[in-house]
Amino acid sequence: MRCRGRLRLVVRSAARISDRLHKRLLELDDPNVPIAETYRRVAAEAERLGLTRPSYERIRVLVHHSRRWKRKRGPSTTSVLVDVAFRVRPPEAVLDQLSGIGVPTRR
């Protein structure tokens, strides 16, 4: 019995991504570009590494988690030091940052 229909191109995608590709995702993600562009970059990297291309949905979820974590993390120590140098923050902000108390994000 022979099936007569259209031939469809099936793209292989993985539900789970490797740790190596996940680390590259964190490096490639730029909050100033759409998630679709991040997906294209990660998919190209997966092909370059010889890995199965991750699904768009999985990348979208991981990018949302990553961006949410970066927002909650607060300013970097370098940015706090620059703010203190330009007198945007008080000198105590450096101690708060280094001690782990953290400082609020400047708006």
N, C-alpha and C. Protein backbone atom coordinates (compact mmCIF):
# COMPACT_ATOMS: atom_id res chain seq x y z
N MET A 1 0.84 -1.17 0.00
CA MET A 1 0.00 0.00 0.00
C MET A 1 0.89 1.24 0.00
N ARG A 2 0.59 2.15 -0.81
CA ARG A 2 1.41 3.33 -0.98
C ARG A 2 0.61 4.57 -0.60
N CYS A 3 1.22 5.44 0.16
CA CYS A 3 0.56 6.67 0.58
C CYS A 3 0.81 7.75 -0.47
N ARG A 4 -0.25 8.31 -0.97
CA ARG A 4 -0.09 9.37 -1.97
C ARG A 4 -0.49 10.70 -1.34
N GLY A 5 0.46 11.46 -1.03
CA GLY A 5 0.21 12.76 -0.41
C GLY A 5 1.41 13.65 -0.62
N ARG A 6 1.37 14.73 0.01
CA ARG A 6 2.49 15.65 -0.11
C ARG A 6 3.63 15.24 0.79
N LEU A 7 4.80 15.50 0.32
CA LEU A 7 5.99 15.24 1.12
C LEU A 7 6.23 16.47 2.00
N ARG A 8 6.35 16.26 3.28
CA ARG A 8 6.55 17.36 4.20
C ARG A 8 7.95 17.30 4.79
N LEU A 9 8.51 18.46 4.96
CA LEU A 9 9.82 18.56 5.59
C LEU A 9 9.62 18.56 7.10
N VAL A 10 10.27 17.68 7.79
CA VAL A 10 10.15 17.59 9.24
C VAL A 10 11.48 18.04 9.85
N VAL A 11 11.41 19.04 10.70
CA VAL A 11 12.60 19.55 11.36
C VAL A 11 12.71 18.87 12.71
N ARG A 12 13.88 18.31 13.00
CA ARG A 12 14.08 17.67 14.30
C ARG A 12 14.32 18.75 15.33
N SER A 13 13.66 18.62 16.47
CA SER A 13 13.90 19.54 17.57
C SER A 13 13.88 18.75 18.87
N ALA A 14 14.63 19.26 19.83
CA ALA A 14 14.78 18.55 21.10
C ALA A 14 13.99 19.27 22.19
N ALA A 15 13.34 18.49 23.05
CA ALA A 15 12.61 19.07 24.18
C ALA A 15 13.59 19.57 25.24
N ARG A 16 14.68 18.84 25.42
CA ARG A 16 15.72 19.23 26.39
C ARG A 16 16.93 19.72 25.62
N ILE A 17 17.61 20.68 26.21
CA ILE A 17 18.83 21.14 25.55
C ILE A 17 20.02 20.83 26.44
N SER A 18 21.16 20.67 25.82
CA SER A 18 22.36 20.31 26.57
C SER A 18 22.82 21.48 27.44
N ASP A 19 23.60 21.17 28.46
CA ASP A 19 24.14 22.22 29.33
C ASP A 19 25.00 23.19 28.55
N ARG A 20 25.75 22.66 27.60
CA ARG A 20 26.64 23.50 26.79
C ARG A 20 25.82 24.51 25.99
N LEU A 21 24.70 24.07 25.41
CA LEU A 21 23.86 24.96 24.62
C LEU A 21 23.11 25.94 25.52
N HIS A 22 22.74 25.48 26.71
CA HIS A 22 22.07 26.37 27.66
C HIS A 22 23.00 27.51 28.07
N LYS A 23 24.26 27.21 28.30
CA LYS A 23 25.23 28.26 28.64
C LYS A 23 25.39 29.24 27.49
N ARG A 24 25.40 28.73 26.27
CA ARG A 24 25.51 29.62 25.10
C ARG A 24 24.26 30.48 24.97
N LEU A 25 23.10 29.93 25.32
CA LEU A 25 21.86 30.70 25.30
C LEU A 25 21.98 31.91 26.21
N LEU A 26 22.50 31.70 27.42
CA LEU A 26 22.65 32.79 28.37
C LEU A 26 23.62 33.85 27.84
N GLU A 27 24.63 33.42 27.11
CA GLU A 27 25.60 34.35 26.54
C GLU A 27 25.01 35.09 25.33
N LEU A 28 24.23 34.40 24.51
CA LEU A 28 23.71 34.97 23.28
C LEU A 28 22.49 35.86 23.50
N ASP A 29 21.79 35.67 24.60
CA ASP A 29 20.56 36.44 24.83
C ASP A 29 20.88 37.90 25.10
N ASP A 30 20.23 38.75 24.36
CA ASP A 30 20.33 40.20 24.54
C ASP A 30 18.92 40.72 24.76
N PRO A 31 18.64 41.32 25.93
CA PRO A 31 17.29 41.79 26.20
C PRO A 31 16.78 42.84 25.21
N ASN A 32 17.67 43.42 24.43
CA ASN A 32 17.27 44.44 23.47
C ASN A 32 16.81 43.88 22.13
N VAL A 33 16.92 42.56 21.95
CA VAL A 33 16.45 41.93 20.71
C VAL A 33 15.30 40.99 21.02
N PRO A 34 14.44 40.75 20.05
CA PRO A 34 13.30 39.85 20.27
C PRO A 34 13.76 38.41 20.56
N ILE A 35 12.91 37.67 21.22
CA ILE A 35 13.21 36.28 21.55
C ILE A 35 13.40 35.46 20.28
N ALA A 36 12.68 35.80 19.22
CA ALA A 36 12.82 35.07 17.96
C ALA A 36 14.25 35.16 17.43
N GLU A 37 14.87 36.33 17.57
CA GLU A 37 16.26 36.48 17.13
C GLU A 37 17.19 35.65 18.01
N THR A 38 16.94 35.63 19.31
CA THR A 38 17.73 34.79 20.21
C THR A 38 17.59 33.33 19.81
N TYR A 39 16.37 32.92 19.45
CA TYR A 39 16.15 31.55 19.01
C TYR A 39 16.97 31.24 17.77
N ARG A 40 16.96 32.16 16.80
CA ARG A 40 17.73 31.92 15.57
C ARG A 40 19.22 31.76 15.88
N ARG A 41 19.73 32.58 16.79
CA ARG A 41 21.14 32.49 17.17
C ARG A 41 21.45 31.16 17.85
N VAL A 42 20.57 30.74 18.77
CA VAL A 42 20.79 29.49 19.49
C VAL A 42 20.65 28.29 18.55
N ALA A 43 19.69 28.34 17.64
CA ALA A 43 19.51 27.25 16.68
C ALA A 43 20.74 27.12 15.77
N ALA A 44 21.28 28.24 15.34
CA ALA A 44 22.50 28.21 14.51
C ALA A 44 23.67 27.64 15.31
N GLU A 45 23.76 28.01 16.58
CA GLU A 45 24.83 27.50 17.44
C GLU A 45 24.68 26.00 17.65
N ALA A 46 23.45 25.53 17.80
CA ALA A 46 23.21 24.09 17.98
C ALA A 46 23.66 23.32 16.73
N GLU A 47 23.33 23.85 15.58
CA GLU A 47 23.76 23.18 14.34
C GLU A 47 25.28 23.20 14.22
N ARG A 48 25.89 24.31 14.60
CA ARG A 48 27.35 24.42 14.53
C ARG A 48 28.01 23.39 15.44
N LEU A 49 27.40 23.15 16.62
CA LEU A 49 27.95 22.19 17.58
C LEU A 49 27.55 20.75 17.27
N GLY A 50 26.70 20.57 16.26
CA GLY A 50 26.25 19.22 15.91
C GLY A 50 25.18 18.69 16.84
N LEU A 51 24.46 19.57 17.51
CA LEU A 51 23.40 19.17 18.44
C LEU A 51 22.04 19.32 17.76
N THR A 52 21.05 18.66 18.33
CA THR A 52 19.69 18.79 17.82
C THR A 52 19.19 20.19 18.14
N ARG A 53 18.53 20.79 17.16
CA ARG A 53 18.00 22.14 17.31
C ARG A 53 16.90 22.15 18.38
N PRO A 54 16.98 23.06 19.35
CA PRO A 54 15.93 23.11 20.37
C PRO A 54 14.64 23.70 19.80
N SER A 55 13.53 23.40 20.45
CA SER A 55 12.26 23.95 19.98
C SER A 55 12.17 25.43 20.35
N TYR A 56 11.40 26.16 19.55
CA TYR A 56 11.21 27.59 19.82
C TYR A 56 10.57 27.79 21.19
N GLU A 57 9.60 26.96 21.52
CA GLU A 57 8.89 27.08 22.80
C GLU A 57 9.85 26.93 23.98
N ARG A 58 10.75 25.96 23.90
CA ARG A 58 11.70 25.74 25.01
C ARG A 58 12.64 26.93 25.16
N ILE A 59 13.13 27.46 24.05
CA ILE A 59 14.01 28.63 24.11
C ILE A 59 13.26 29.83 24.68
N ARG A 60 12.00 30.00 24.26
CA ARG A 60 11.20 31.12 24.76
C ARG A 60 11.06 31.06 26.27
N VAL A 61 10.77 29.89 26.80
CA VAL A 61 10.61 29.72 28.25
C VAL A 61 11.94 30.01 28.97
N LEU A 62 13.04 29.47 28.44
CA LEU A 62 14.34 29.68 29.08
C LEU A 62 14.77 31.14 29.02
N VAL A 63 14.47 31.83 27.93
CA VAL A 63 14.81 33.25 27.82
C VAL A 63 14.00 34.06 28.83
N HIS A 64 12.73 33.74 28.98
CA HIS A 64 11.91 34.46 29.97
C HIS A 64 12.47 34.26 31.38
N HIS A 65 12.85 33.03 31.72
CA HIS A 65 13.44 32.75 33.04
C HIS A 65 14.74 33.53 33.22
N SER A 66 15.57 33.51 32.20
CA SER A 66 16.87 34.18 32.26
C SER A 66 16.70 35.69 32.45
N ARG A 67 15.81 36.27 31.68
CA ARG A 67 15.61 37.73 31.76
C ARG A 67 14.99 38.12 33.10
N ARG A 68 14.09 37.30 33.60
CA ARG A 68 13.48 37.59 34.91
C ARG A 68 14.55 37.52 36.00
N TRP A 69 15.43 36.53 35.93
CA TRP A 69 16.50 36.37 36.92
C TRP A 69 17.46 37.56 36.86
N LYS A 70 17.82 38.00 35.66
CA LYS A 70 18.73 39.13 35.52
C LYS A 70 18.13 40.40 36.09
N ARG A 71 16.81 40.59 35.91
CA ARG A 71 16.15 41.78 36.45
C ARG A 71 16.15 41.76 37.97
N LYS A 72 15.92 40.59 38.56
CA LYS A 72 15.85 40.48 40.02
C LYS A 72 17.21 40.57 40.67
N ARG A 73 18.25 40.26 39.91
CA ARG A 73 19.60 40.20 40.46
C ARG A 73 20.10 41.55 40.92
N GLY A 74 19.63 42.62 40.33
CA GLY A 74 20.06 43.96 40.72
C GLY A 74 21.30 44.39 39.96
N PRO A 75 21.80 45.55 40.31
CA PRO A 75 22.96 46.10 39.59
C PRO A 75 24.24 45.33 39.90
N SER A 76 25.17 45.39 38.96
CA SER A 76 26.47 44.75 39.17
C SER A 76 27.32 45.60 40.10
N THR A 77 28.34 44.99 40.68
CA THR A 77 29.25 45.71 41.56
C THR A 77 29.93 46.84 40.81
N THR A 78 30.27 46.60 39.57
CA THR A 78 30.91 47.64 38.76
C THR A 78 30.01 48.85 38.60
N SER A 79 28.73 48.61 38.32
CA SER A 79 27.82 49.75 38.14
C SER A 79 27.62 50.50 39.45
N VAL A 80 27.62 49.78 40.58
CA VAL A 80 27.51 50.45 41.88
C VAL A 80 28.75 51.32 42.12
N LEU A 81 29.93 50.80 41.80
CA LEU A 81 31.16 51.57 41.97
C LEU A 81 31.16 52.83 41.09
N VAL A 82 30.69 52.69 39.87
CA VAL A 82 30.61 53.86 38.97
C VAL A 82 29.62 54.87 39.53
N ASP A 83 28.48 54.39 40.02
CA ASP A 83 27.50 55.30 40.61
C ASP A 83 28.07 56.05 41.81
N VAL A 84 28.84 55.36 42.65
CA VAL A 84 29.46 56.01 43.81
C VAL A 84 30.49 57.03 43.34
N ALA A 85 31.27 56.67 42.32
CA ALA A 85 32.29 57.59 41.80
C ALA A 85 31.66 58.87 41.27
N PHE A 86 30.49 58.74 40.64
CA PHE A 86 29.81 59.93 40.11
C PHE A 86 28.78 60.50 41.08
N ARG A 87 28.86 60.05 42.32
CA ARG A 87 28.01 60.54 43.41
C ARG A 87 26.51 60.38 43.16
N VAL A 88 26.18 59.30 42.46
CA VAL A 88 24.78 58.97 42.25
C VAL A 88 24.26 58.16 43.43
N ARG A 89 25.16 57.37 44.04
CA ARG A 89 24.84 56.58 45.23
C ARG A 89 25.80 56.97 46.34
N PRO A 90 25.39 56.75 47.59
CA PRO A 90 26.30 57.03 48.70
C PRO A 90 27.39 55.97 48.79
N PRO A 91 28.52 56.28 49.41
CA PRO A 91 29.63 55.31 49.52
C PRO A 91 29.22 54.00 50.22
N GLU A 92 28.25 54.05 51.10
CA GLU A 92 27.80 52.85 51.81
C GLU A 92 27.20 51.81 50.85
N ALA A 93 26.80 52.25 49.67
CA ALA A 93 26.21 51.32 48.70
C ALA A 93 27.22 50.24 48.29
N VAL A 94 28.51 50.60 48.24
CA VAL A 94 29.53 49.61 47.89
C VAL A 94 29.58 48.53 48.96
N LEU A 95 29.55 48.91 50.22
CA LEU A 95 29.58 47.94 51.31
C LEU A 95 28.33 47.05 51.27
N ASP A 96 27.18 47.67 51.02
CA ASP A 96 25.94 46.89 50.92
C ASP A 96 26.01 45.88 49.79
N GLN A 97 26.56 46.30 48.66
CA GLN A 97 26.67 45.40 47.50
C GLN A 97 27.62 44.25 47.79
N LEU A 98 28.79 44.56 48.36
CA LEU A 98 29.80 43.53 48.61
C LEU A 98 29.39 42.57 49.74
N SER A 99 28.62 43.05 50.68
CA SER A 99 28.21 42.19 51.80
C SER A 99 27.08 41.25 51.44
N GLY A 100 26.46 41.50 50.27
CA GLY A 100 25.36 40.63 49.85
C GLY A 100 23.99 41.17 50.17
N ILE A 101 23.94 42.29 50.88
CA ILE A 101 22.64 42.91 51.16
C ILE A 101 22.02 43.37 49.86
N GLY A 102 22.89 43.89 48.99
CA GLY A 102 22.42 44.38 47.69
C GLY A 102 21.91 45.80 47.76
N VAL A 103 21.80 46.41 46.63
CA VAL A 103 21.29 47.77 46.52
C VAL A 103 20.18 47.77 45.49
N PRO A 104 19.23 48.68 45.63
CA PRO A 104 18.15 48.70 44.64
C PRO A 104 18.65 49.16 43.27
N THR A 105 17.95 48.74 42.26
CA THR A 105 18.29 49.16 40.90
C THR A 105 17.94 50.62 40.73
N ARG A 106 18.85 51.35 40.13
CA ARG A 106 18.64 52.78 39.90
C ARG A 106 17.69 52.93 38.72
N ARG A 107 16.75 53.84 38.83
CA ARG A 107 15.76 54.03 37.73
C ARG A 107 16.00 55.28 36.97
